[in-house]
């Protein structure tokens, strides 16, 4: 049987470029070269080559994070080129990347979310209103972005202005939401029409990190990632169901990973990742491995789903 020609897209121009390149290296190593003829493309420099090669590409793996990779832009290009790709299409990618749009759809699907308010660039920051509506502590983050870039936890009123400025440096709109202390969990799902919930992961950053920030995500040894999560069966089922509902509410396909907070017996949905990380410290490969699917087989499955989904749409 002839090898499938796979376009591996990694790099790009977002603030998460280095993470993407690292993920791309590890995906390249894990792909079974007896099945695949893999060519790498960096959207920062290789879009013309990708377009020129399109007719000879069987499927692609998008290992990009942040704007211009995870937000539907590259997905739209691949749709125009008729190249199958893993994960969500333009709509699902754009909705999940925009945290405000995602929250509105979560609420429409009756998923619990932390109380929040929105601030646009140029709006007056009313500290008293934030404290009254949301309370302290609170979380400030860009509406669009990933890997906790530009995110801060604010514990006192005098920290709010600098946190807002930090978030606005990454986007023209920001979310200010209630900080809910509890157990951080994340739930992956995989599939097209029929979704399979993967084992939950419990995330425990070390004492030097208040939350699962950029450094905690991508530095080996800083964070404990416990799979399956140490919660009871009823809460596990509830969280896995929430991950499926979030996936469907955002029109995702292929796979996704939804981050949540568990406080007492209440679970709050935070955000959904349509292209979860693919490094040695990444969460979705850990959940898949716990479910009996090693990294190489996970990539096989994502390629299968991409081609199956493309075929059904065309």
Foldseek 3Di string as FASTA:
>chain_A
DDAAEEEEEAAEDDPCRVLRVQLSVLLVVLADVVRYDYDYAYVVPRPVVCLVCLVRHAAYEQSYFFPPGQQANVLVVCVVSLHFYFKFHNQLSNQQQQQVSLVVLCVVLVAAAFDKDKDFAPDDDDLVVLCVRANPFKKKAARGGDQQQLIDTRGDSVCVVVSNVSRCVRDRMMMIGHDDDAWKKKWKWFAFPDIDIFAIKTKAFDPVDPDCHNCNQPPPPRIDIDTNDPDDPVLRVVRSVSLVSSCVSSRMGGMKMWMWGDDDSGIHTRGIGRNWRRHPRTDPQVRCVVVVAHPNNSVVSSRVRRSVVSVVVD
